[in-house]
C-alpha atoms as a PDB file:
ATOM      1  CA  MET A   1     161.085  33.099 224.262  1.00  0.00           C
ATOM      2  CA  THR A   2     164.434  34.075 222.741  1.00  0.00           C
ATOM      3  CA  ALA A   3     163.327  32.791 219.338  1.00  0.00           C
ATOM      4  CA  LEU A   4     160.188  34.933 219.534  1.00  0.00           C
ATOM      5  CA  LEU A   5     162.201  38.045 220.382  1.00  0.00           C
ATOM      6  CA  GLU A   6     164.569  37.371 217.504  1.00  0.00           C
ATOM      7  CA  ARG A   7     161.616  36.957 215.116  1.00  0.00           C
ATOM      8  CA  LEU A   8     160.171  40.275 216.319  1.00  0.00           C
ATOM      9  CA  ARG A   9     163.531  42.007 215.829  1.00  0.00           C
ATOM     10  CA  GLN A  10     163.810  40.564 212.317  1.00  0.00           C
ATOM     11  CA  TRP A  11     160.254  41.724 211.543  1.00  0.00           C
ATOM     12  CA  ALA A  12     161.090  45.241 212.784  1.00  0.00           C
ATOM     13  CA  ARG A  13     164.255  45.345 210.633  1.00  0.00           C
ATOM     14  CA  THR A  14     162.241  44.190 207.624  1.00  0.00           C
ATOM     15  CA  LEU A  15     159.619  46.917 208.192  1.00  0.00           C
ATOM     16  CA  LYS A  16     162.361  49.515 208.530  1.00  0.00           C
ATOM     17  CA  ARG A  17     164.001  48.371 205.269  1.00  0.00           C
ATOM     18  CA  GLN A  18     160.643  48.268 203.454  1.00  0.00           C
ATOM     19  CA  THR A  19     159.837  51.781 204.663  1.00  0.00           C
ATOM     20  CA  MET A  20     163.151  52.979 203.280  1.00  0.00           C
ATOM     21  CA  THR A  21     162.480  51.075 200.042  1.00  0.00           C
ATOM     22  CA  LEU A  22     159.247  53.057 199.695  1.00  0.00           C
ATOM     23  CA  TRP A  23     161.128  56.240 200.546  1.00  0.00           C
ATOM     24  CA  PHE A  24     163.439  55.599 197.592  1.00  0.00           C
ATOM     25  CA  CYS A  25     160.479  54.472 195.419  1.00  0.00           C
ATOM     26  CA  TYR A  26     158.436  57.636 195.807  1.00  0.00           C
ATOM     27  CA  ARG A  27     161.461  59.613 194.634  1.00  0.00           C
ATOM     28  CA  HIS A  28     162.099  57.273 191.685  1.00  0.00           C
ATOM     29  CA  PRO A  29     161.176  58.789 188.293  1.00  0.00           C
ATOM     30  CA  GLN A  30     159.581  55.541 187.005  1.00  0.00           C
ATOM     31  CA  THR A  31     157.068  55.300 189.858  1.00  0.00           C
ATOM     32  CA  PRO A  32     153.477  55.907 188.664  1.00  0.00           C
ATOM     33  CA  TRP A  33     151.274  58.377 190.538  1.00  0.00           C
ATOM     34  CA  LEU A  34     149.098  55.845 192.467  1.00  0.00           C
ATOM     35  CA  PRO A  35     151.907  53.838 194.095  1.00  0.00           C
ATOM     36  CA  LYS A  36     153.835  57.091 194.558  1.00  0.00           C
ATOM     37  CA  GLY A  37     150.907  58.640 196.432  1.00  0.00           C
ATOM     38  CA  ILE A  38     150.450  55.584 198.630  1.00  0.00           C
ATOM     39  CA  ALA A  39     154.201  55.411 199.268  1.00  0.00           C
ATOM     40  CA  ILE A  40     154.291  59.096 200.258  1.00  0.00           C
ATOM     41  CA  ILE A  41     151.466  58.604 202.766  1.00  0.00           C
ATOM     42  CA  VAL A  42     152.981  55.426 204.228  1.00  0.00           C
ATOM     43  CA  VAL A  43     156.493  56.857 204.446  1.00  0.00           C
ATOM     44  CA  ALA A  44     155.280  60.153 205.889  1.00  0.00           C
ATOM     45  CA  TYR A  45     153.382  58.306 208.586  1.00  0.00           C
ATOM     46  CA  ALA A  46     156.165  55.798 209.266  1.00  0.00           C
ATOM     47  CA  LEU A  47     158.813  58.508 209.574  1.00  0.00           C
ATOM     48  CA  SER A  48     156.630  60.845 211.612  1.00  0.00           C
ATOM     49  CA  PRO A  49     157.823  61.171 215.202  1.00  0.00           C
ATOM     50  CA  ILE A  50     154.158  61.257 216.306  1.00  0.00           C
ATOM     51  CA  ASP A  51     151.673  58.385 215.920  1.00  0.00           C
ATOM     52  CA  LEU A  52     148.133  58.972 214.721  1.00  0.00           C
ATOM     53  CA  ILE A  53     146.972  56.694 217.542  1.00  0.00           C
ATOM     54  CA  PRO A  54     149.291  57.250 220.544  1.00  0.00           C
ATOM     55  CA  ASP A  55     150.926  54.066 221.860  1.00  0.00           C
ATOM     56  CA  PHE A  56     149.698  54.661 225.427  1.00  0.00           C
ATOM     57  CA  ILE A  57     146.092  53.953 224.352  1.00  0.00           C
ATOM     58  CA  PRO A  58     145.522  50.270 225.214  1.00  0.00           C
ATOM     59  CA  VAL A  59     145.382  47.925 222.210  1.00  0.00           C
ATOM     60  CA  LEU A  60     144.518  50.667 219.672  1.00  0.00           C
ATOM     61  CA  GLY A  61     147.870  52.374 220.283  1.00  0.00           C
ATOM     62  CA  TYR A  62     149.747  49.541 218.635  1.00  0.00           C
ATOM     63  CA  LEU A  63     147.131  48.865 215.964  1.00  0.00           C
ATOM     64  CA  ASP A  64     148.786  51.281 213.521  1.00  0.00           C
ATOM     65  CA  ASP A  65     152.224  49.758 214.088  1.00  0.00           C
ATOM     66  CA  VAL A  66     151.053  46.156 213.754  1.00  0.00           C
ATOM     67  CA  ILE A  67     148.323  46.376 211.105  1.00  0.00           C
ATOM     68  CA  LEU A  68     148.003  49.742 209.343  1.00  0.00           C
ATOM     69  CA  LEU A  69     151.667  50.373 208.580  1.00  0.00           C
ATOM     70  CA  PRO A  70     152.421  46.834 207.270  1.00  0.00           C
ATOM     71  CA  ALA A  71     149.198  46.907 205.207  1.00  0.00           C
ATOM     72  CA  GLY A  72     150.179  50.245 203.651  1.00  0.00           C
ATOM     73  CA  ILE A  73     153.682  48.973 202.909  1.00  0.00           C
ATOM     74  CA  TRP A  74     152.269  45.795 201.367  1.00  0.00           C
ATOM     75  CA  LEU A  75     149.848  47.735 199.130  1.00  0.00           C
ATOM     76  CA  ALA A  76     152.459  50.230 197.937  1.00  0.00           C
ATOM     77  CA  ILE A  77     154.979  47.480 197.170  1.00  0.00           C
ATOM     78  CA  ARG A  78     152.366  45.435 195.262  1.00  0.00           C
ATOM     79  CA  LEU A  79     151.549  48.439 193.050  1.00  0.00           C
ATOM     80  CA  MET A  80     155.177  49.408 192.416  1.00  0.00           C
ATOM     81  CA  PRO A  81     156.731  48.608 189.003  1.00  0.00           C
ATOM     82  CA  SER A  82     159.134  45.691 189.442  1.00  0.00           C
ATOM     83  CA  ALA A  83     162.163  47.429 187.881  1.00  0.00           C
ATOM     84  CA  ALA A  84     161.852  50.495 190.100  1.00  0.00           C
ATOM     85  CA  LEU A  85     161.147  48.321 193.144  1.00  0.00           C
ATOM     86  CA  ALA A  86     164.243  46.172 192.576  1.00  0.00           C
ATOM     87  CA  GLU A  87     166.437  49.244 192.219  1.00  0.00           C
ATOM     88  CA  CYS A  88     165.005  50.866 195.332  1.00  0.00           C
ATOM     89  CA  GLU A  89     165.257  47.650 197.369  1.00  0.00           C
ATOM     90  CA  ALA A  90     168.967  47.534 196.537  1.00  0.00           C
ATOM     91  CA  LYS A  91     169.351  51.147 197.683  1.00  0.00           C
ATOM     92  CA  ALA A  92     167.452  50.391 200.915  1.00  0.00           C
ATOM     93  CA  ARG A  93     169.626  47.320 201.596  1.00  0.00           C
ATOM     94  CA  GLN A  94     172.751  49.405 201.061  1.00  0.00           C
ATOM     95  CA  TRP A  95     171.352  52.148 203.309  1.00  0.00           C
ATOM     96  CA  GLN A  96     170.617  49.564 206.039  1.00  0.00           C
ATOM     97  CA  GLU A  97     174.071  47.957 205.764  1.00  0.00           C
ATOM     98  CA  ASN A  98     175.679  51.390 206.173  1.00  0.00           C
ATOM     99  CA  ASP A  99     173.514  52.107 209.258  1.00  0.00           C
ATOM    100  CA  GLY A 100     171.986  55.149 207.583  1.00  0.00           C
ATOM    101  CA  GLN A 101     170.169  57.720 209.665  1.00  0.00           C
ATOM    102  CA  ARG A 102     166.408  57.376 209.561  1.00  0.00           C
ATOM    103  CA  PRO A 103     164.851  60.493 208.055  1.00  0.00           C
ATOM    104  CA  VAL A 104     162.211  62.232 210.184  1.00  0.00           C
ATOM    105  CA  ASN A 105     159.107  63.712 208.610  1.00  0.00           C
ATOM    106  CA  LYS A 106     158.190  66.810 210.614  1.00  0.00           C
ATOM    107  CA  ILE A 107     155.467  67.810 208.150  1.00  0.00           C
ATOM    108  CA  ALA A 108     153.600  64.547 208.796  1.00  0.00           C
ATOM    109  CA  ALA A 109     154.005  65.092 212.543  1.00  0.00           C
ATOM    110  CA  ALA A 110     152.519  68.580 212.205  1.00  0.00           C
ATOM    111  CA  LEU A 111     149.596  67.227 210.149  1.00  0.00           C
ATOM    112  CA  ILE A 112     148.896  64.573 212.794  1.00  0.00           C
ATOM    113  CA  VAL A 113     148.931  67.223 215.544  1.00  0.00           C
ATOM    114  CA  LEU A 114     146.561  69.387 213.466  1.00  0.00           C
ATOM    115  CA  ALA A 115     144.244  66.402 212.916  1.00  0.00           C
ATOM    116  CA  TRP A 116     144.079  65.770 216.677  1.00  0.00           C
ATOM    117  CA  LEU A 117     143.473  69.465 217.390  1.00  0.00           C
ATOM    118  CA  ALA A 118     140.688  69.568 214.798  1.00  0.00           C
ATOM    119  CA  THR A 119     139.137  66.440 216.326  1.00  0.00           C
ATOM    120  CA  LEU A 120     139.277  67.942 219.813  1.00  0.00           C
ATOM    121  CA  ALA A 121     137.838  71.253 218.583  1.00  0.00           C
ATOM    122  CA  GLY A 122     135.059  69.423 216.735  1.00  0.00           C
ATOM    123  CA  ALA A 123     134.207  67.390 219.825  1.00  0.00           C
ATOM    124  CA  TRP A 124     134.188  70.531 221.964  1.00  0.00           C
ATOM    125  CA  PHE A 125     131.838  72.374 219.572  1.00  0.00           C
ATOM    126  CA  MET A 126     129.601  69.338 219.320  1.00  0.00           C
ATOM    127  CA  PHE A 127     129.134  69.028 223.092  1.00  0.00           C
ATOM    128  CA  TYR A 128     129.276  72.685 224.140  1.00  0.00           C
ATOM    129  CA  ASP A 129     125.919  74.419 223.780  1.00  0.00           C
ATOM    130  CA  GLY A 130     127.037  78.010 224.459  1.00  0.00           C
ATOM    131  CA  THR A 131     125.387  78.338 227.873  1.00  0.00           C
ATOM    132  CA  GLY A 132     128.376  77.157 229.825  1.00  0.00           C
ATOM    133  CA  LYS A 133     126.885  73.689 230.145  1.00  0.00           C
ATOM    134  CA  THR A 134     127.817  70.615 228.204  1.00  0.00           C
ATOM    135  CA  GLY A 135     125.348  68.171 226.812  1.00  0.00           C
END
């Protein structure tokens, strides 16, 4: 059991470092627009204090953390030019060794809240018929 916990901790540290690598990559001048766009989306979501799918929702709540975020990181890293990626990985390693503060993306959090509000409003308008009855 201890080995499993250590593997999970190592995986979490790797995801954190890769997120920071993408954070440095999207700011790098040699990053093309497609990997930059993907990196911005992934980093914005990863650094958002609010999840798109809240963790308290059974199974689906952790789907973004276990599948969507690693898949986005993988795609962005695969599309990144190798020279820029190597430089940004070094910066991320140095940031991690210095116990750097994790940036927080409040804009992404606001967008996620707006998306949920729009979804709730859409559902309400879809099921409310104007007579005070639903259905």
